[in-house]
Amino acid sequence: MISGAVPVGTILPFAGPLALHDAPTQRIERLRWQLFRDGWRLCDGASLLRGDYPELSDLLGSAYGGDASHFNLPDLQGCFMRGVSGNLAADNAERKAVKEGGNVGNRVGSHQADAFQSHEHDYTEPVLLPDAMVVLATEGSPLYTAKPMQSTTNYVPADTVRTADETRPVNLNLNFIIRCR
C-alpha cells in the first residue's frame, strides 16, 4: 500500500493553483500533469475507473460514491475536513452520502450540511442596543420594543461586526490532493 514514502489515499493540502480560475490554463494543466505523473490527483470528486487505480479503489471502495466499474475521489472543494467521530453518535443521522452509493453515518466519506447551533440570550436588565431597540428583562422570551429608554448596559462592538450568508471560522483557501499511485 505504500508508494514511495506516502501511502496511497493520503490527502494533503496543496498551496499551488489547480483550479482553472486560479491561473492561466496552460500553467494549471502543466501543474496538474506534474502532480498526476507523480501519483497525485486533485480532490474534486472525479469518477475514476477502478481498473486504472486498483490500490486506491480497494482503499476507498464506494465511500465517496461509485458503481461496479467506477469509484469517486473525495470532493473537498469548499469543505472543511472533520475527523470521524469515533463512538460519538450525536450527529450520525445527519451524515449523508456525498454521491449515490457513498457512505452515510459515522463512516469515512459521509457528508454533513452546514448548521448554526440554536441559542438564546437571557437579559437580567434593560439593554440599549445600537439601533435603539430595547430588550426588556422578562420571564421566558425577551420583549423587544422600539421605544428608547434609559439603560444600564450599552452594547458597543469592539470591531466592525462581520456578517455573511454562512457561519464560518477564519479560513484560507487551499487545494487538497490525494495520493492515487
Protein backbone atom coordinates (compact mmCIF):
# COMPACT_ATOMS: atom_id res chain seq x y z
CA MET A 1 0.00 0.00 0.00
CA ILE A 2 2.97 2.35 0.21
CA SER A 3 4.06 4.11 -2.98
CA GLY A 4 7.25 5.93 -2.15
CA ALA A 5 7.18 7.47 1.31
CA VAL A 6 3.49 8.47 1.22
CA PRO A 7 0.69 5.86 1.38
CA VAL A 8 -1.93 5.72 -1.36
CA GLY A 9 -5.04 7.52 -0.06
CA THR A 10 -3.12 10.21 1.82
CA ILE A 11 -4.72 13.63 1.43
CA LEU A 12 -2.54 16.73 1.70
CA PRO A 13 -3.20 20.45 1.40
CA PHE A 14 -1.56 21.94 -1.70
CA ALA A 15 -0.92 25.70 -1.80
CA GLY A 16 -0.39 25.88 -5.56
CA PRO A 17 -3.13 26.83 -8.04
CA LEU A 18 -5.00 23.87 -9.57
CA ALA A 19 -8.42 25.31 -10.48
CA LEU A 20 -8.79 26.83 -13.93
CA HIS A 21 -9.73 30.22 -12.44
CA ASP A 22 -6.53 30.32 -10.31
CA ALA A 23 -4.03 30.94 -13.11
CA PRO A 24 -3.68 30.77 -16.90
CA THR A 25 -4.98 27.44 -18.27
CA GLN A 26 -1.60 26.33 -19.64
CA ARG A 27 0.07 26.75 -16.24
CA ILE A 28 -2.73 24.85 -14.46
CA GLU A 29 -2.61 21.99 -16.96
CA ARG A 30 1.19 21.75 -16.52
CA LEU A 31 0.87 21.65 -12.70
CA ARG A 32 -1.90 19.03 -12.86
CA TRP A 33 0.16 16.88 -15.24
CA GLN A 34 3.21 17.07 -12.93
CA LEU A 35 1.09 16.03 -9.94
CA PHE A 36 -0.57 13.23 -11.95
CA ARG A 37 2.83 11.97 -13.14
CA ASP A 38 3.98 11.86 -9.50
CA GLY A 39 0.87 9.89 -8.43
CA TRP A 40 -1.42 12.66 -7.13
CA ARG A 41 -4.92 13.84 -8.12
CA LEU A 42 -6.99 16.86 -7.10
CA CYS A 43 -9.73 16.01 -4.56
CA ASP A 44 -12.51 17.21 -6.86
CA GLY A 45 -14.98 14.31 -6.73
CA ALA A 46 -13.83 12.89 -10.08
CA SER A 47 -15.17 9.49 -11.09
CA LEU A 48 -12.31 7.11 -11.94
CA LEU A 49 -12.17 3.63 -13.43
CA ARG A 50 -11.45 1.05 -10.73
CA GLY A 51 -9.04 -0.77 -13.05
CA ASP A 52 -6.91 2.37 -13.58
CA TYR A 53 -6.36 2.88 -9.83
CA PRO A 54 -6.80 -0.57 -8.22
CA GLU A 55 -4.97 0.26 -4.97
CA LEU A 56 -6.91 3.48 -4.37
CA SER A 57 -10.17 1.83 -5.46
CA ASP A 58 -9.61 -1.00 -2.95
CA LEU A 59 -8.90 1.53 -0.22
CA LEU A 60 -11.79 3.94 -0.89
CA GLY A 61 -14.35 1.46 -2.20
CA SER A 62 -17.51 3.49 -2.80
CA ALA A 63 -17.12 5.73 0.27
CA TYR A 64 -17.47 8.81 -1.96
CA GLY A 65 -19.86 7.24 -4.48
CA GLY A 66 -19.38 4.92 -7.40
CA ASP A 67 -20.60 1.73 -9.01
CA ALA A 68 -19.18 -1.64 -10.11
CA SER A 69 -16.66 -0.12 -12.54
CA HIS A 70 -16.08 3.39 -11.11
CA PHE A 71 -15.26 5.00 -7.77
CA ASN A 72 -15.19 8.69 -6.84
CA LEU A 73 -12.45 10.73 -5.30
CA PRO A 74 -13.42 12.84 -2.29
CA ASP A 75 -14.63 16.30 -3.29
CA LEU A 76 -13.06 18.69 -0.79
CA GLN A 77 -13.73 21.87 -2.76
CA GLY A 78 -15.26 24.39 -0.36
CA CYS A 79 -15.37 21.90 2.53
CA PHE A 80 -13.81 21.81 5.96
CA MET A 81 -12.45 18.39 6.81
CA ARG A 82 -13.51 16.74 10.05
CA GLY A 83 -12.22 13.59 11.69
CA VAL A 84 -14.54 10.59 12.02
CA SER A 85 -16.26 10.99 15.38
CA GLY A 86 -15.41 7.55 16.71
CA ASN A 87 -18.07 6.28 19.12
CA LEU A 88 -19.83 9.65 19.37
CA ALA A 89 -23.21 9.18 17.72
CA ALA A 90 -24.66 12.65 18.32
CA ASP A 91 -24.84 13.65 14.65
CA ASN A 92 -24.60 10.34 12.77
CA ALA A 93 -28.17 10.56 11.45
CA GLU A 94 -27.35 13.90 9.81
CA ARG A 95 -24.37 12.50 7.89
CA LYS A 96 -25.41 11.63 4.32
CA ALA A 97 -23.71 10.19 1.23
CA VAL A 98 -21.95 12.76 -0.94
CA LYS A 99 -22.97 10.87 -4.09
CA GLU A 100 -25.17 7.83 -4.72
CA GLY A 101 -23.61 4.71 -3.25
CA GLY A 102 -21.43 6.67 -0.80
CA ASN A 103 -21.04 6.17 2.93
CA VAL A 104 -23.53 7.53 5.48
CA GLY A 105 -23.49 7.92 9.26
CA ASN A 106 -20.23 7.74 11.20
CA ARG A 107 -18.12 6.46 8.29
CA VAL A 108 -15.29 7.93 6.25
CA GLY A 109 -16.71 9.79 3.25
CA SER A 110 -20.06 10.79 4.75
CA HIS A 111 -21.08 14.45 4.43
CA GLN A 112 -22.81 16.81 6.84
CA ALA A 113 -24.54 20.02 5.78
CA ASP A 114 -23.73 23.28 7.48
CA ALA A 115 -25.67 24.36 10.55
CA PHE A 116 -25.74 27.08 13.17
CA GLN A 117 -26.34 25.90 16.72
CA SER A 118 -29.54 27.39 18.09
CA HIS A 119 -29.06 29.58 21.11
CA GLU A 120 -30.72 32.39 23.03
CA HIS A 121 -29.71 35.31 25.17
CA ASP A 122 -31.33 35.96 28.53
CA TYR A 123 -31.08 39.50 29.95
CA THR A 124 -31.47 40.48 33.56
CA GLU A 125 -31.58 44.25 32.97
CA PRO A 126 -32.68 46.54 30.14
CA VAL A 127 -30.09 46.86 27.37
CA LEU A 128 -29.96 49.71 24.85
CA LEU A 129 -28.95 48.28 21.50
CA PRO A 130 -27.19 50.34 18.80
CA ASP A 131 -30.32 50.64 16.66
CA ALA A 132 -32.37 51.98 19.59
CA MET A 133 -34.19 48.67 20.07
CA VAL A 134 -34.65 47.90 23.75
CA VAL A 135 -34.61 44.43 25.22
CA LEU A 136 -36.56 44.20 28.47
CA ALA A 137 -35.85 41.51 31.01
CA THR A 138 -38.81 39.15 31.20
CA GLU A 139 -39.51 35.61 32.18
CA GLY A 140 -39.24 33.38 29.13
CA SER A 141 -38.56 35.13 25.82
CA PRO A 142 -37.13 38.66 25.80
CA LEU A 143 -39.55 41.51 24.98
CA TYR A 144 -38.36 43.86 22.22
CA THR A 145 -39.58 47.42 21.84
CA ALA A 146 -38.53 50.23 19.52
CA LYS A 147 -39.16 52.85 22.21
CA PRO A 148 -35.82 54.14 23.54
CA MET A 149 -35.44 54.13 27.30
CA GLN A 150 -32.66 54.64 29.80
CA SER A 151 -30.36 51.68 30.07
CA THR A 152 -27.71 50.41 32.44
CA THR A 153 -25.74 48.49 29.77
CA ASN A 154 -24.73 49.77 26.34
CA TYR A 155 -23.69 47.46 23.51
CA VAL A 156 -20.65 48.87 21.74
CA PRO A 157 -18.91 46.42 19.40
CA ALA A 158 -15.12 46.43 19.73
CA ASP A 159 -14.73 45.84 15.99
CA THR A 160 -16.88 46.04 12.91
CA VAL A 161 -19.31 43.14 13.04
CA ARG A 162 -18.79 40.82 10.07
CA THR A 163 -21.87 39.23 8.57
CA ALA A 164 -22.31 36.74 5.73
CA ASP A 165 -24.70 34.18 4.27
CA GLU A 166 -22.93 31.43 6.22
CA THR A 167 -21.42 30.76 9.63
CA ARG A 168 -17.70 30.08 9.28
CA PRO A 169 -14.37 30.38 11.07
CA VAL A 170 -11.44 32.35 9.70
CA ASN A 171 -10.18 30.25 6.82
CA LEU A 172 -7.70 30.01 3.96
CA ASN A 173 -8.39 28.55 0.51
CA LEU A 174 -6.15 25.62 -0.39
CA ASN A 175 -6.41 22.74 -2.81
CA PHE A 176 -6.39 19.18 -1.48
CA ILE A 177 -4.66 16.39 -3.36
CA ILE A 178 -4.81 12.62 -2.84
CA ARG A 179 -2.08 10.06 -3.43
CA CYS A 180 -3.52 7.75 -6.08
CA ARG A 181 -0.48 5.63 -7.11
